[in-house]
Every structure is written in C-alpha cells, then in structure tokens.
Amino acid sequence: MNKNIIKQFIRSDIAAMGPYVPGISAWNLASTYNQNLTQLIKLNANENPYGPSPLAKKAIRNTIFNYYPASDYDALRRALAEYTNTKKTNIIVGAGSDEIIDLILRAVLNTDDKVIDCPPTFDMYRVATLLNRGQIVSVPRMNNFIINVKAMLAQCVDEKIKIIFLCNPN
C-alpha cells in the first residue's frame, strides 16, 4: 500500500511528532559488541548497574532484572518478521491486544471519526474507540454469527469510517 495513503489517516498532531527513538537496549548493546549481558554496565537509561538484591535473585533464578525491557522488542520482531516472511517494520508488539488496539486507534482517529465493529465481539474495540475520541458503529452479526458484509459495506460510504474491526474467531 502507498505510504501516502496511510498518512492521510494519521491524526495531524501525532503525524507532526517525530518517532520516539529509544536508546539501544542492553541486549542489543551486548550483541553488537559481542559482550556478556551480565558483564555490561549501562547507565544512560536510569538503569541499576547493581541488579536486584541477593534475596530477590534467590527467589527468582535465571532472570536478569537490572535493565528495562527492550522497548522496541527487536529480537522478537526480527524473529516474527523472519517467520512471517515480512519486514520487521511491519510487526507491532505490545503488552496484549488491548495495548495494540489502543495504539492503532490513538494514531488514526480524530474526534468523531468512526470505527465499525460487529457484535457480539471483543468489547475493547468499543472501549478503545470511545477513549480515543471516536464513535463506534455497530453492525450486528447475523443469527449464525457470520459477519453481515452487506450491512457493513453500507456503512462504509461514510467518510468518517477509519477502521473496521473483523474478529475471527470471535
């Protein structure tokens, strides 16, 4: 899809913001310089070079706690991109589907833009739409729970429709 087509859907205040570029994660830093992560002291992100207390380490073994998690999920996104034969930049990772739904809506919706969902469905589509200043357009499923495509397409003539959530299996 043409990048310019996608840009027309992004909120102007978000489009005007530059991307957040996190500092290199401890994992990436260790990998880049072929260093052992446990030997690394990284101070640029308010991280603790001393690690957790000995009692906490005793309670939970084989886990490194003295660094923030990699906010770009680089290793996971690379593995998923390879597995799905796509680019890493096409992969979004979040703390559950709620976060990803919210982030997508937050980036796309302007006040009073509309989102179609097909109840009964995951209620987070409705909740996140409303939290992000959008309006929900519910197109109920047919009696056999199949999406009512004709009814949904009839709503799509509205220029305010920005996203359609199709959940399957529901």
C-alpha atoms as a PDB file:
ATOM      1  CA  MET A   1       0.000   0.000   0.000  1.00  0.00           C
ATOM      2  CA  ASN A   2       1.196   3.508  -0.788  1.00  0.00           C
ATOM      3  CA  LYS A   3       2.661   5.220   2.318  1.00  0.00           C
ATOM      4  CA  ASN A   4       0.935   8.484   1.442  1.00  0.00           C
ATOM      5  CA  ILE A   5      -2.476   6.803   1.524  1.00  0.00           C
ATOM      6  CA  ILE A   6      -1.833   5.611   5.071  1.00  0.00           C
ATOM      7  CA  LYS A   7      -0.564   9.039   6.178  1.00  0.00           C
ATOM      8  CA  GLN A   8      -3.920  10.653   5.397  1.00  0.00           C
ATOM      9  CA  PHE A   9      -5.475   8.587   8.197  1.00  0.00           C
ATOM     10  CA  ILE A  10      -2.979   9.555  10.914  1.00  0.00           C
ATOM     11  CA  ARG A  11      -4.023  12.290  13.378  1.00  0.00           C
ATOM     12  CA  SER A  12      -2.269  15.502  12.451  1.00  0.00           C
ATOM     13  CA  ASP A  13      -0.904  16.056  15.965  1.00  0.00           C
ATOM     14  CA  ILE A  14       0.587  12.549  16.019  1.00  0.00           C
ATOM     15  CA  ALA A  15       1.873  12.802  12.431  1.00  0.00           C
ATOM     16  CA  ALA A  16       3.687  16.020  13.390  1.00  0.00           C
ATOM     17  CA  MET A  17       5.508  14.244  16.206  1.00  0.00           C
ATOM     18  CA  GLY A  18       8.805  12.638  15.400  1.00  0.00           C
ATOM     19  CA  PRO A  19       9.154   8.978  16.290  1.00  0.00           C
ATOM     20  CA  TYR A  20      10.336   8.061  19.754  1.00  0.00           C
ATOM     21  CA  VAL A  21      13.777   6.560  19.324  1.00  0.00           C
ATOM     22  CA  PRO A  22      14.739   4.610  22.417  1.00  0.00           C
ATOM     23  CA  GLY A  23      18.344   4.173  23.423  1.00  0.00           C
ATOM     24  CA  ILE A  24      19.904   0.904  22.411  1.00  0.00           C
ATOM     25  CA  SER A  25      18.756  -1.881  24.725  1.00  0.00           C
ATOM     26  CA  ALA A  26      21.250  -3.703  26.896  1.00  0.00           C
ATOM     27  CA  TRP A  27      20.547  -6.854  24.893  1.00  0.00           C
ATOM     28  CA  ASN A  28      21.279  -5.159  21.572  1.00  0.00           C
ATOM     29  CA  LEU A  29      24.335  -3.433  23.015  1.00  0.00           C
ATOM     30  CA  ALA A  30      25.751  -6.711  24.316  1.00  0.00           C
ATOM     31  CA  SER A  31      25.025  -8.417  20.997  1.00  0.00           C
ATOM     32  CA  THR A  32      26.542  -5.596  18.929  1.00  0.00           C
ATOM     33  CA  TYR A  33      29.796  -5.675  20.891  1.00  0.00           C
ATOM     34  CA  ASN A  34      29.791  -9.439  21.488  1.00  0.00           C
ATOM     35  CA  GLN A  35      29.689  -8.926  25.253  1.00  0.00           C
ATOM     36  CA  ASN A  36      28.133 -10.958  28.049  1.00  0.00           C
ATOM     37  CA  LEU A  37      24.962  -9.200  29.214  1.00  0.00           C
ATOM     38  CA  THR A  38      25.753  -9.907  32.865  1.00  0.00           C
ATOM     39  CA  GLN A  39      29.103  -8.075  32.476  1.00  0.00           C
ATOM     40  CA  LEU A  40      27.509  -4.954  30.954  1.00  0.00           C
ATOM     41  CA  ILE A  41      27.145  -1.702  32.894  1.00  0.00           C
ATOM     42  CA  LYS A  42      24.790   0.648  31.077  1.00  0.00           C
ATOM     43  CA  LEU A  43      23.953   3.952  32.761  1.00  0.00           C
ATOM     44  CA  ASN A  44      22.250   6.043  30.068  1.00  0.00           C
ATOM     45  CA  ALA A  45      18.647   4.976  30.785  1.00  0.00           C
ATOM     46  CA  ASN A  46      18.458   5.331  34.572  1.00  0.00           C
ATOM     47  CA  GLU A  47      19.184   1.633  34.963  1.00  0.00           C
ATOM     48  CA  ASN A  48      20.665  -0.042  38.014  1.00  0.00           C
ATOM     49  CA  PRO A  49      24.153  -1.457  37.425  1.00  0.00           C
ATOM     50  CA  TYR A  50      23.954  -3.447  40.676  1.00  0.00           C
ATOM     51  CA  GLY A  51      20.882  -5.525  39.871  1.00  0.00           C
ATOM     52  CA  PRO A  52      18.288  -6.789  42.353  1.00  0.00           C
ATOM     53  CA  SER A  53      19.043  -7.684  45.944  1.00  0.00           C
ATOM     54  CA  PRO A  54      20.526 -11.119  46.665  1.00  0.00           C
ATOM     55  CA  LEU A  55      17.222 -12.157  48.265  1.00  0.00           C
ATOM     56  CA  ALA A  56      15.270 -11.296  45.103  1.00  0.00           C
ATOM     57  CA  LYS A  57      17.785 -13.185  42.986  1.00  0.00           C
ATOM     58  CA  LYS A  58      17.419 -16.157  45.263  1.00  0.00           C
ATOM     59  CA  ALA A  59      13.632 -16.031  44.879  1.00  0.00           C
ATOM     60  CA  ILE A  60      13.696 -15.922  41.084  1.00  0.00           C
ATOM     61  CA  ARG A  61      16.590 -17.690  39.402  1.00  0.00           C
ATOM     62  CA  ASN A  62      17.982 -17.307  35.876  1.00  0.00           C
ATOM     63  CA  THR A  63      16.380 -13.938  35.152  1.00  0.00           C
ATOM     64  CA  ILE A  64      18.144 -10.602  34.628  1.00  0.00           C
ATOM     65  CA  PHE A  65      16.278  -7.701  36.221  1.00  0.00           C
ATOM     66  CA  ASN A  66      18.657  -4.765  36.157  1.00  0.00           C
ATOM     67  CA  TYR A  67      17.633  -3.405  32.745  1.00  0.00           C
ATOM     68  CA  TYR A  68      14.420  -2.094  31.335  1.00  0.00           C
ATOM     69  CA  PRO A  69      12.920  -4.488  28.805  1.00  0.00           C
ATOM     70  CA  ALA A  70      13.792  -3.773  25.191  1.00  0.00           C
ATOM     71  CA  SER A  71      11.028  -1.304  24.315  1.00  0.00           C
ATOM     72  CA  ASP A  72      11.426  -1.953  20.603  1.00  0.00           C
ATOM     73  CA  TYR A  73      11.113  -5.754  21.034  1.00  0.00           C
ATOM     74  CA  ASP A  74      13.865  -6.011  18.437  1.00  0.00           C
ATOM     75  CA  ALA A  75      14.704  -9.705  18.808  1.00  0.00           C
ATOM     76  CA  LEU A  76      11.042 -10.748  18.883  1.00  0.00           C
ATOM     77  CA  ARG A  77      10.127  -8.550  15.919  1.00  0.00           C
ATOM     78  CA  ARG A  78      13.092  -9.882  13.910  1.00  0.00           C
ATOM     79  CA  ALA A  79      12.070 -13.477  14.673  1.00  0.00           C
ATOM     80  CA  LEU A  80       8.423 -12.784  13.795  1.00  0.00           C
ATOM     81  CA  ALA A  81       9.421 -10.997  10.587  1.00  0.00           C
ATOM     82  CA  GLU A  82      11.560 -13.930   9.562  1.00  0.00           C
ATOM     83  CA  TYR A  83       8.822 -16.410  10.473  1.00  0.00           C
ATOM     84  CA  THR A  84       6.161 -14.464   8.528  1.00  0.00           C
ATOM     85  CA  ASN A  85       8.497 -13.501   5.672  1.00  0.00           C
ATOM     86  CA  THR A  86       7.895  -9.788   6.116  1.00  0.00           C
ATOM     87  CA  LYS A  87       9.837  -6.725   7.252  1.00  0.00           C
ATOM     88  CA  LYS A  88      10.468  -6.081  10.932  1.00  0.00           C
ATOM     89  CA  THR A  89       8.907  -2.629  10.450  1.00  0.00           C
ATOM     90  CA  ASN A  90       5.593  -4.367   9.640  1.00  0.00           C
ATOM     91  CA  ILE A  91       5.464  -6.031  13.056  1.00  0.00           C
ATOM     92  CA  ILE A  92       3.880  -4.394  16.098  1.00  0.00           C
ATOM     93  CA  VAL A  93       4.311  -5.908  19.535  1.00  0.00           C
ATOM     94  CA  GLY A  94       2.565  -4.819  22.695  1.00  0.00           C
ATOM     95  CA  ALA A  95       1.542  -5.817  26.165  1.00  0.00           C
ATOM     96  CA  GLY A  96      -1.523  -7.684  24.946  1.00  0.00           C
ATOM     97  CA  SER A  97      -4.091  -6.893  22.310  1.00  0.00           C
ATOM     98  CA  ASP A  98      -5.648  -4.087  24.387  1.00  0.00           C
ATOM     99  CA  GLU A  99      -2.491  -2.024  24.073  1.00  0.00           C
ATOM    100  CA  ILE A 100      -2.125  -2.639  20.342  1.00  0.00           C
ATOM    101  CA  ILE A 101      -5.780  -1.761  19.675  1.00  0.00           C
ATOM    102  CA  ASP A 102      -5.411   1.427  21.713  1.00  0.00           C
ATOM    103  CA  LEU A 103      -2.193   2.448  19.957  1.00  0.00           C
ATOM    104  CA  ILE A 104      -3.678   1.945  16.491  1.00  0.00           C
ATOM    105  CA  LEU A 105      -6.806   3.922  17.351  1.00  0.00           C
ATOM    106  CA  ARG A 106      -4.797   6.634  19.071  1.00  0.00           C
ATOM    107  CA  ALA A 107      -2.686   7.076  15.936  1.00  0.00           C
ATOM    108  CA  VAL A 108      -5.565   7.084  13.450  1.00  0.00           C
ATOM    109  CA  LEU A 109      -8.686   8.627  14.988  1.00  0.00           C
ATOM    110  CA  ASN A 110      -9.601  12.284  15.005  1.00  0.00           C
ATOM    111  CA  THR A 111     -12.541  13.500  17.064  1.00  0.00           C
ATOM    112  CA  ASP A 112     -15.804  11.968  15.816  1.00  0.00           C
ATOM    113  CA  ASP A 113     -14.138   9.582  13.370  1.00  0.00           C
ATOM    114  CA  LYS A 114     -15.920   6.247  13.256  1.00  0.00           C
ATOM    115  CA  VAL A 115     -14.974   2.630  13.784  1.00  0.00           C
ATOM    116  CA  ILE A 116     -17.063  -0.356  12.714  1.00  0.00           C
ATOM    117  CA  ASP A 117     -17.281  -3.415  14.897  1.00  0.00           C
ATOM    118  CA  CYS A 118     -19.503  -6.468  14.530  1.00  0.00           C
ATOM    119  CA  PRO A 119     -21.032  -7.509  17.861  1.00  0.00           C
ATOM    120  CA  PRO A 120     -21.065  -9.742  19.632  1.00  0.00           C
ATOM    121  CA  THR A 121     -17.318  -9.173  19.690  1.00  0.00           C
ATOM    122  CA  PHE A 122     -14.387  -8.139  21.851  1.00  0.00           C
ATOM    123  CA  ASP A 123     -15.569  -5.088  23.796  1.00  0.00           C
ATOM    124  CA  MET A 124     -12.147  -3.452  23.777  1.00  0.00           C
ATOM    125  CA  TYR A 125     -12.834  -2.296  20.198  1.00  0.00           C
ATOM    126  CA  ARG A 126     -15.730  -0.180  21.503  1.00  0.00           C
ATOM    127  CA  VAL A 127     -13.997   0.961  24.692  1.00  0.00           C
ATOM    128  CA  ALA A 128     -10.743   1.965  22.981  1.00  0.00           C
ATOM    129  CA  THR A 129     -12.653   3.754  20.206  1.00  0.00           C
ATOM    130  CA  LEU A 130     -14.538   5.861  22.714  1.00  0.00           C
ATOM    131  CA  LEU A 131     -11.387   6.558  24.744  1.00  0.00           C
ATOM    132  CA  ASN A 132      -9.729   7.812  21.586  1.00  0.00           C
ATOM    133  CA  ARG A 133     -12.493  10.286  20.706  1.00  0.00           C
ATOM    134  CA  GLY A 134     -14.113   8.095  18.083  1.00  0.00           C
ATOM    135  CA  GLN A 135     -17.645   6.881  17.532  1.00  0.00           C
ATOM    136  CA  ILE A 136     -18.497   3.209  17.340  1.00  0.00           C
ATOM    137  CA  VAL A 137     -20.735   1.952  14.541  1.00  0.00           C
ATOM    138  CA  SER A 138     -22.037  -1.471  15.483  1.00  0.00           C
ATOM    139  CA  VAL A 139     -23.069  -3.751  12.653  1.00  0.00           C
ATOM    140  CA  PRO A 140     -24.523  -6.814  14.387  1.00  0.00           C
ATOM    141  CA  ARG A 141     -23.676 -10.241  13.073  1.00  0.00           C
ATOM    142  CA  MET A 142     -26.345 -12.407  11.513  1.00  0.00           C
ATOM    143  CA  ASN A 143     -28.154 -15.058  13.594  1.00  0.00           C
ATOM    144  CA  ASN A 144     -25.485 -17.645  12.734  1.00  0.00           C
ATOM    145  CA  PHE A 145     -22.753 -15.175  13.911  1.00  0.00           C
ATOM    146  CA  ILE A 146     -21.498 -14.598  10.365  1.00  0.00           C
ATOM    147  CA  ILE A 147     -20.459 -11.015   9.647  1.00  0.00           C
ATOM    148  CA  ASN A 148     -23.197  -9.146   7.801  1.00  0.00           C
ATOM    149  CA  VAL A 149     -20.990  -7.921   4.962  1.00  0.00           C
ATOM    150  CA  LYS A 150     -23.796  -6.107   3.099  1.00  0.00           C
ATOM    151  CA  ALA A 151     -24.796  -4.133   6.205  1.00  0.00           C
ATOM    152  CA  MET A 152     -21.155  -3.358   6.975  1.00  0.00           C
ATOM    153  CA  LEU A 153     -20.409  -2.149   3.441  1.00  0.00           C
ATOM    154  CA  ALA A 154     -23.485   0.090   3.583  1.00  0.00           C
ATOM    155  CA  GLN A 155     -21.827   1.932   6.499  1.00  0.00           C
ATOM    156  CA  CYS A 156     -18.546   2.352   4.616  1.00  0.00           C
ATOM    157  CA  VAL A 157     -19.884   5.150   2.413  1.00  0.00           C
ATOM    158  CA  ASP A 158     -19.402   7.431   5.443  1.00  0.00           C
ATOM    159  CA  GLU A 159     -16.074   9.277   5.036  1.00  0.00           C
ATOM    160  CA  LYS A 160     -15.670   9.276   8.825  1.00  0.00           C
ATOM    161  CA  ILE A 161     -15.202   5.471   8.878  1.00  0.00           C
ATOM    162  CA  LYS A 162     -11.477   4.947   9.573  1.00  0.00           C
ATOM    163  CA  ILE A 163     -11.203   1.378  10.876  1.00  0.00           C
ATOM    164  CA  ILE A 164     -13.194  -1.842  10.595  1.00  0.00           C
ATOM    165  CA  PHE A 165     -12.551  -4.500  13.221  1.00  0.00           C
ATOM    166  CA  LEU A 166     -13.141  -8.016  11.942  1.00  0.00           C
ATOM    167  CA  CYS A 167     -12.554 -10.546  14.678  1.00  0.00           C
ATOM    168  CA  ASN A 168     -12.288 -14.191  13.657  1.00  0.00           C
ATOM    169  CA  PRO A 169     -12.570 -16.450  15.500  1.00  0.00           C
ATOM    170  CA  ASN A 170     -14.715 -14.266  17.674  1.00  0.00           C
END
